N, C-alpha and C. Protein backbone atom coordinates (compact mmCIF):
# COMPACT_ATOMS: atom_id res chain seq x y z
N MET A 1 44.96 53.25 13.59
CA MET A 1 46.24 52.56 12.88
C MET A 1 46.75 51.75 13.86
N GLY A 2 46.70 51.22 13.96
CA GLY A 2 48.36 50.52 14.71
C GLY A 2 49.61 49.93 14.63
N LYS A 3 49.75 49.68 14.81
CA LYS A 3 51.98 48.88 14.24
C LYS A 3 51.41 47.71 13.38
N ARG A 4 51.83 46.92 12.89
CA ARG A 4 51.96 46.68 11.79
C ARG A 4 53.15 45.71 11.43
N SER A 5 54.27 45.27 12.21
CA SER A 5 54.71 44.70 11.34
C SER A 5 55.21 43.17 10.86
N TRP A 6 56.66 43.03 9.85
CA TRP A 6 56.25 42.18 8.76
C TRP A 6 57.71 41.58 9.68
N ILE A 7 58.09 39.84 9.24
CA ILE A 7 59.28 39.53 9.58
C ILE A 7 59.71 39.27 7.51
N ARG A 8 60.57 39.61 8.13
CA ARG A 8 61.11 39.59 6.81
C ARG A 8 61.74 37.27 7.23
N LEU A 9 61.64 36.64 6.24
CA LEU A 9 62.30 35.31 6.65
C LEU A 9 64.37 34.83 5.77
N HIS A 10 64.96 34.53 5.08
CA HIS A 10 65.88 34.08 4.62
C HIS A 10 65.71 32.93 4.35
N GLU A 11 65.71 32.11 3.33
CA GLU A 11 65.31 30.69 3.68
C GLU A 11 66.00 29.97 2.30
N LYS A 12 65.77 27.96 2.38
CA LYS A 12 66.39 27.83 1.56
C LYS A 12 66.68 28.12 0.69
N GLY A 13 68.32 27.47 -0.27
CA GLY A 13 67.78 27.79 -1.65
C GLY A 13 68.60 29.87 -2.52
N GLY A 14 68.62 30.65 -0.94
CA GLY A 14 68.67 31.92 -1.58
C GLY A 14 67.12 33.10 -1.12
N LYS A 15 65.96 32.21 -0.72
CA LYS A 15 65.14 33.03 -1.33
C LYS A 15 64.79 33.34 0.25
N HIS A 16 64.17 34.59 -0.31
CA HIS A 16 63.50 35.37 1.06
C HIS A 16 62.59 35.92 1.10
N HIS A 17 61.61 35.59 2.37
CA HIS A 17 60.69 35.70 1.77
C HIS A 17 60.27 37.52 2.97
N GLU A 18 58.57 37.59 2.91
CA GLU A 18 57.99 38.53 3.75
C GLU A 18 56.62 38.18 4.59
N VAL A 19 56.47 38.01 5.67
CA VAL A 19 55.09 38.27 6.27
C VAL A 19 54.72 38.30 7.14
N PRO A 20 53.59 39.21 6.71
CA PRO A 20 53.27 39.84 8.47
C PRO A 20 53.57 39.03 9.02
N THR A 21 53.00 39.82 10.64
CA THR A 21 53.15 39.20 12.04
C THR A 21 52.53 39.36 12.20
N HIS A 22 51.75 38.01 13.42
CA HIS A 22 50.52 38.06 14.21
C HIS A 22 50.37 38.45 14.92
N HIS A 23 49.09 39.54 15.29
CA HIS A 23 49.54 40.21 16.89
C HIS A 23 50.26 39.72 18.00
N THR A 24 49.85 39.22 18.13
CA THR A 24 50.62 37.71 19.67
C THR A 24 52.25 38.29 19.75
N THR A 25 52.37 37.43 18.10
CA THR A 25 53.94 37.55 18.27
C THR A 25 54.92 38.96 18.58
N GLU A 26 53.66 40.07 17.52
CA GLU A 26 54.08 41.36 17.77
C GLU A 26 55.02 41.68 18.92
N GLU A 27 53.58 41.12 19.90
CA GLU A 27 53.91 41.61 21.57
C GLU A 27 54.58 40.63 22.03
N TYR A 28 54.83 39.90 21.74
CA TYR A 28 56.10 39.28 22.75
C TYR A 28 57.61 39.83 21.62
N LEU A 29 57.40 39.33 20.34
CA LEU A 29 59.11 40.14 19.93
C LEU A 29 59.76 42.17 20.24
N ASP A 30 57.52 42.55 20.52
CA ASP A 30 58.44 43.94 21.41
C ASP A 30 58.98 44.25 22.56
N ALA A 31 58.54 43.19 23.38
CA ALA A 31 59.27 42.78 24.86
C ALA A 31 61.08 42.01 24.28
N TYR A 32 60.34 41.33 23.26
CA TYR A 32 62.16 40.41 23.80
C TYR A 32 62.91 41.89 23.35
N LEU A 33 62.77 42.79 22.41
CA LEU A 33 63.62 43.19 21.91
C LEU A 33 63.81 44.27 22.86
N LYS A 34 62.85 44.34 23.71
CA LYS A 34 63.13 46.03 25.03
C LYS A 34 64.44 44.73 25.78
N ALA A 35 64.28 43.92 25.89
CA ALA A 35 64.57 42.97 26.94
C ALA A 35 66.02 42.72 26.52
N ALA A 36 65.98 42.93 25.77
CA ALA A 36 68.09 42.28 25.71
C ALA A 36 68.22 43.48 24.91
N SER A 37 67.12 44.25 25.40
CA SER A 37 68.07 45.79 24.46
C SER A 37 68.90 47.04 23.22
N ILE A 38 67.77 45.84 22.16
CA ILE A 38 68.04 46.43 21.26
C ILE A 38 66.77 46.98 20.42
N GLU A 39 66.50 47.81 21.59
CA GLU A 39 64.85 47.96 20.16
C GLU A 39 65.06 48.84 19.58
N GLY A 40 64.47 49.29 18.39
CA GLY A 40 65.33 49.96 17.81
C GLY A 40 66.99 50.12 16.66
N GLU A 41 67.51 49.20 17.24
CA GLU A 41 68.70 48.73 16.65
C GLU A 41 68.13 48.05 15.25
N LYS A 42 68.56 49.34 14.73
CA LYS A 42 68.33 48.29 13.15
C LYS A 42 69.61 47.26 12.11
N ASP A 43 70.43 47.67 12.69
CA ASP A 43 71.49 46.71 12.57
C ASP A 43 72.09 45.76 13.61
N SER A 44 71.26 45.80 14.42
CA SER A 44 71.47 43.82 15.47
C SER A 44 70.63 43.35 14.78
N PRO A 45 71.11 42.02 14.51
CA PRO A 45 70.57 40.09 14.70
C PRO A 45 69.45 40.70 15.58
N VAL A 46 68.58 39.47 15.04
CA VAL A 46 67.13 39.74 16.27
C VAL A 46 67.29 38.91 17.36
N PHE A 47 67.81 38.40 16.81
CA PHE A 47 68.38 36.71 17.65
C PHE A 47 69.22 36.81 17.94
N LEU A 48 69.68 36.53 19.33
CA LEU A 48 70.95 36.71 19.88
C LEU A 48 71.48 35.20 20.63
N THR A 49 73.27 35.18 20.52
CA THR A 49 73.13 34.18 21.48
C THR A 49 73.66 34.61 22.27
N ALA A 50 74.28 33.70 23.97
CA ALA A 50 74.18 34.29 25.22
C ALA A 50 75.22 33.19 25.68
N ILE A 51 76.14 34.68 26.91
CA ILE A 51 77.62 33.53 27.57
C ILE A 51 76.57 33.01 27.96
N GLY A 52 77.11 31.03 27.73
CA GLY A 52 76.66 29.89 28.51
C GLY A 52 75.74 30.19 29.26
N LYS A 53 75.42 30.04 30.17
CA LYS A 53 73.76 29.97 30.95
C LYS A 53 73.82 30.61 31.39
N THR A 54 73.66 32.22 31.23
CA THR A 54 73.63 33.35 32.08
C THR A 54 73.02 34.37 31.57
N GLU A 55 72.10 33.74 30.99
CA GLU A 55 71.22 35.16 30.24
C GLU A 55 71.54 36.58 29.70
N LEU A 56 73.26 36.64 29.96
CA LEU A 56 73.40 37.48 29.17
C LEU A 56 73.81 37.57 28.07
N LEU A 57 72.58 38.70 27.36
CA LEU A 57 73.84 38.84 25.42
C LEU A 57 74.14 39.39 24.65
N THR A 58 75.25 38.30 23.79
CA THR A 58 76.53 38.00 23.97
C THR A 58 77.30 39.91 22.57
N GLY A 59 75.44 39.55 21.10
CA GLY A 59 74.97 40.93 20.34
C GLY A 59 75.67 39.92 18.88
N ASN A 60 76.80 38.32 19.54
CA ASN A 60 76.58 38.03 18.08
C ASN A 60 75.54 37.33 17.69
N ARG A 61 75.01 37.33 16.00
CA ARG A 61 73.93 36.67 15.82
C ARG A 61 73.75 34.18 15.61
N LEU A 62 72.32 34.42 16.65
CA LEU A 62 72.53 32.63 17.48
C LEU A 62 72.08 31.94 15.64
N SER A 63 73.01 30.87 15.62
CA SER A 63 73.86 30.26 14.41
C SER A 63 72.16 28.77 14.39
N ARG A 64 71.53 29.09 13.06
CA ARG A 64 70.53 28.04 13.59
C ARG A 64 71.00 26.49 14.08
N HIS A 65 72.08 26.59 14.47
CA HIS A 65 72.07 25.04 14.53
C HIS A 65 72.13 25.11 16.07
N ASP A 66 72.49 26.46 16.63
CA ASP A 66 72.64 27.39 18.56
C ASP A 66 71.13 26.80 17.74
N ALA A 67 69.39 27.48 17.34
CA ALA A 67 68.79 27.30 17.36
C ALA A 67 67.99 26.03 17.93
N LEU A 68 68.77 25.19 16.54
CA LEU A 68 67.33 24.01 17.21
C LEU A 68 68.45 22.89 18.37
N ARG A 69 69.86 23.49 18.75
CA ARG A 69 69.38 23.37 20.05
C ARG A 69 68.73 23.13 21.34
N MET A 70 69.15 24.02 20.85
CA MET A 70 67.64 25.30 22.26
C MET A 70 66.43 24.39 22.06
N ILE A 71 65.96 24.45 20.66
CA ILE A 71 64.32 23.95 20.56
C ILE A 71 64.18 22.70 21.00
N LYS A 72 65.71 21.72 20.94
CA LYS A 72 66.09 20.49 21.16
C LYS A 72 65.54 20.69 23.53
N ARG A 73 66.07 21.22 23.23
CA ARG A 73 66.61 21.15 25.13
C ARG A 73 65.04 21.96 25.74
N ARG A 74 64.99 22.23 25.15
CA ARG A 74 63.23 23.12 25.67
C ARG A 74 62.63 22.36 25.36
N SER A 75 61.99 21.50 24.20
CA SER A 75 60.79 20.70 24.22
C SER A 75 61.81 19.39 25.19
N ILE A 76 63.02 18.35 25.34
CA ILE A 76 62.75 17.85 26.57
C ILE A 76 62.40 18.51 28.24
N ALA A 77 63.13 19.16 28.08
CA ALA A 77 62.59 19.81 29.28
C ALA A 77 60.99 20.39 29.49
N ALA A 78 60.28 20.41 29.21
CA ALA A 78 58.86 20.50 28.64
C ALA A 78 58.06 19.34 28.19
N GLY A 79 58.86 18.19 28.50
CA GLY A 79 58.28 16.42 28.63
C GLY A 79 58.14 16.27 26.60
N LEU A 80 58.36 17.07 25.90
CA LEU A 80 57.35 17.14 24.69
C LEU A 80 59.30 15.31 24.05
N SER A 81 58.64 15.24 22.57
CA SER A 81 59.60 14.57 22.25
C SER A 81 61.11 15.08 21.86
N HIS A 82 62.07 14.53 21.43
CA HIS A 82 63.99 14.41 20.85
C HIS A 82 63.43 15.22 19.66
N LYS A 83 62.51 14.78 19.08
CA LYS A 83 62.22 14.56 17.60
C LYS A 83 61.02 16.22 16.78
N VAL A 84 61.45 17.15 18.08
CA VAL A 84 60.80 18.08 18.16
C VAL A 84 61.82 19.77 16.83
N CYS A 85 61.31 20.33 16.14
CA CYS A 85 62.70 20.38 15.01
C CYS A 85 61.98 22.13 14.99
N CYS A 86 62.56 22.81 13.58
CA CYS A 86 62.40 23.37 13.97
C CYS A 86 60.88 23.25 12.62
N HIS A 87 60.90 22.70 11.86
CA HIS A 87 59.85 22.27 11.29
C HIS A 87 58.70 21.46 11.61
N THR A 88 58.96 21.19 12.62
CA THR A 88 57.84 20.93 13.37
C THR A 88 56.87 22.35 14.03
N PHE A 89 57.35 22.88 14.25
CA PHE A 89 56.79 24.45 14.63
C PHE A 89 55.84 25.63 13.04
N ARG A 90 56.20 24.34 12.28
CA ARG A 90 56.18 24.55 10.43
C ARG A 90 54.53 24.01 10.04
N ALA A 91 54.84 23.20 10.59
CA ALA A 91 54.08 21.75 10.27
C ALA A 91 52.23 22.32 11.00
N THR A 92 53.29 22.51 12.50
CA THR A 92 52.08 22.68 13.76
C THR A 92 51.21 24.27 13.05
N GLY A 93 52.47 25.11 12.69
CA GLY A 93 51.78 26.59 12.20
C GLY A 93 50.62 26.06 10.96
N ILE A 94 50.78 25.03 9.39
CA ILE A 94 49.97 25.19 8.61
C ILE A 94 48.72 24.29 8.93
N THR A 95 49.26 23.32 10.35
CA THR A 95 48.23 22.63 10.57
C THR A 95 46.72 23.50 11.33
N ALA A 96 47.33 24.77 12.14
CA ALA A 96 46.57 25.47 12.89
C ALA A 96 45.55 26.45 12.29
N TYR A 97 46.36 27.03 11.44
CA TYR A 97 46.06 27.43 10.36
C TYR A 97 45.26 26.56 9.33
N LEU A 98 44.76 25.59 9.01
CA LEU A 98 43.48 24.68 8.48
C LEU A 98 42.56 24.90 9.28
N GLU A 99 42.67 24.28 10.30
CA GLU A 99 41.94 23.84 11.18
C GLU A 99 41.27 25.30 11.21
N ASN A 100 42.25 26.26 12.18
CA ASN A 100 40.81 27.22 11.84
C ASN A 100 40.12 27.93 10.05
N GLY A 101 39.96 26.78 9.91
CA GLY A 101 39.20 27.75 8.65
C GLY A 101 39.98 28.80 7.43
N GLY A 102 41.31 28.28 6.88
CA GLY A 102 42.47 28.93 6.37
C GLY A 102 42.62 27.00 5.17
N THR A 103 43.00 28.10 3.62
CA THR A 103 42.36 27.30 2.37
C THR A 103 44.18 27.86 2.79
N VAL A 104 44.57 26.31 1.30
CA VAL A 104 45.38 25.54 1.42
C VAL A 104 46.14 26.34 0.92
N GLU A 105 45.69 27.59 -0.28
CA GLU A 105 46.14 28.15 -0.71
C GLU A 105 47.14 29.45 -0.68
N ASN A 106 46.03 29.65 0.53
CA ASN A 106 46.77 31.06 1.68
C ASN A 106 48.28 30.19 2.28
N ALA A 107 47.64 29.08 2.72
CA ALA A 107 48.46 28.43 3.56
C ALA A 107 49.97 28.32 2.89
N GLN A 108 49.49 27.68 1.86
CA GLN A 108 50.93 27.42 0.70
C GLN A 108 51.69 28.85 -0.15
N ALA A 109 50.74 30.48 0.63
CA ALA A 109 51.38 31.18 0.89
C ALA A 109 52.36 32.03 1.31
N ILE A 110 52.00 31.42 3.12
CA ILE A 110 52.56 31.94 3.85
C ILE A 110 53.61 31.39 4.01
N ALA A 111 53.38 30.04 3.42
CA ALA A 111 55.44 29.28 3.53
C ALA A 111 56.29 28.99 2.68
N ALA A 112 55.60 29.79 1.56
CA ALA A 112 56.66 31.04 0.36
C ALA A 112 56.73 28.71 -0.79
N HIS A 113 55.46 28.20 -0.52
CA HIS A 113 56.36 26.86 -0.74
C HIS A 113 55.37 27.10 -2.54
N GLU A 114 56.30 26.50 -3.72
CA GLU A 114 56.09 27.00 -4.25
C GLU A 114 54.53 25.87 -5.04
N SER A 115 54.42 24.30 -3.94
CA SER A 115 53.24 23.46 -5.22
C SER A 115 52.39 23.66 -4.31
N PRO A 116 50.91 23.97 -3.49
CA PRO A 116 49.58 22.78 -2.96
C PRO A 116 50.66 21.95 -2.07
N ARG A 117 50.94 20.38 -3.43
CA ARG A 117 51.36 18.93 -2.92
C ARG A 117 52.84 19.22 -1.86
N THR A 118 52.83 20.40 -1.88
CA THR A 118 54.61 20.41 -0.37
C THR A 118 53.10 20.33 0.70
N THR A 119 52.81 22.00 0.82
CA THR A 119 52.15 22.88 1.96
C THR A 119 51.25 21.53 2.60
N LYS A 120 50.92 20.13 1.25
CA LYS A 120 49.40 19.66 1.54
C LYS A 120 50.72 19.29 2.57
N LEU A 121 52.01 18.17 2.60
CA LEU A 121 52.57 17.03 3.84
C LEU A 121 52.69 17.84 5.20
N TYR A 122 53.08 19.35 5.25
CA TYR A 122 52.66 19.66 6.42
C TYR A 122 51.26 19.86 7.09
N ASP A 123 50.09 19.64 5.92
CA ASP A 123 48.77 19.83 7.06
C ASP A 123 49.09 18.13 7.96
N ARG A 124 48.13 17.97 9.38
CA ARG A 124 48.55 17.15 9.47
C ARG A 124 47.01 17.59 10.08
N THR A 125 45.74 18.10 9.90
CA THR A 125 44.67 17.93 10.29
C THR A 125 43.92 16.40 10.11
N SER A 126 44.17 15.68 8.82
CA SER A 126 44.01 15.00 8.83
C SER A 126 44.49 13.82 9.77
N ASP A 127 45.63 13.67 10.42
CA ASP A 127 46.59 12.83 11.50
C ASP A 127 45.46 11.83 12.64
N GLY A 128 44.44 12.36 13.23
CA GLY A 128 44.16 11.69 13.89
C GLY A 128 42.77 10.70 13.58
N ILE A 129 42.54 10.35 14.49
CA ILE A 129 41.89 8.94 13.69
C ILE A 129 40.22 8.81 15.30
N THR A 130 39.51 9.09 14.28
CA THR A 130 37.95 9.85 15.77
C THR A 130 37.89 7.46 16.07
N LEU A 131 37.25 8.13 17.55
CA LEU A 131 36.20 6.68 17.28
C LEU A 131 34.86 6.33 16.70
N ASP A 132 35.13 7.62 16.10
CA ASP A 132 33.87 7.29 14.62
C ASP A 132 34.00 6.58 13.80
N GLU A 133 35.17 7.34 13.28
CA GLU A 133 35.83 6.55 12.04
C GLU A 133 35.94 4.83 12.35
N ILE A 134 36.10 5.03 13.45
CA ILE A 134 36.61 3.02 13.98
C ILE A 134 35.47 2.21 14.04
N GLU A 135 34.58 3.29 14.96
CA GLU A 135 33.27 2.21 14.65
C GLU A 135 32.68 1.95 13.36
N ARG A 136 32.94 2.72 12.62
CA ARG A 136 33.10 1.97 10.71
C ARG A 136 33.13 0.72 10.20
N ILE A 137 34.06 0.26 11.16
CA ILE A 137 34.80 -0.68 10.81
C ILE A 137 34.05 -2.23 11.89
N ARG A 138 32.96 -2.47 10.67
CA ARG A 138 32.05 -3.47 10.77
C ARG A 138 32.23 -6.03 11.11
N ILE A 139 32.79 -5.39 11.76
CA ILE A 139 33.02 -6.65 11.51
C ILE A 139 31.39 -7.97 12.45
C-alpha cells in the first residue's frame, strides 16, 4: 500500500482538525515541498512567503492575510470575482463532495462543523435553477 498523508488544520477558536489528503492534493503537496526545498523538513512551515515578486521563498510562514491577498490576486487574474476568498473553497469543496454522492454527515465531519445546519449553509448544490424548474410556472 502507498503513502497516506494527512493535513492538520488549525481552525478558529483554537480547534485542531486532521483530515486525510486526496491523492491529487498529496501529489501537488509533494511537488511543492520538493520545489520549495523543504521536503522532509519537519519543523518548517509548509506555506512560505516570497521575496517581492521574485518567487524566491523566505522560509517565513505565510500569514492568513498574505494567503487571502494571494487568492484574491490570482482569482482576479483568472477572471473570477474579487469576492473569492478562503471560504469560497470551503463551499466549493462541500458542494463538490455532495454532488458526487457524499453525505451531509460526512461533509460535516470533514469540515469539522458541530451542526449539520452549518454544513448545509455551504452546500451550493441547489443554487442552480434549471429550465425544467422555470417551465413548471403555469401562466
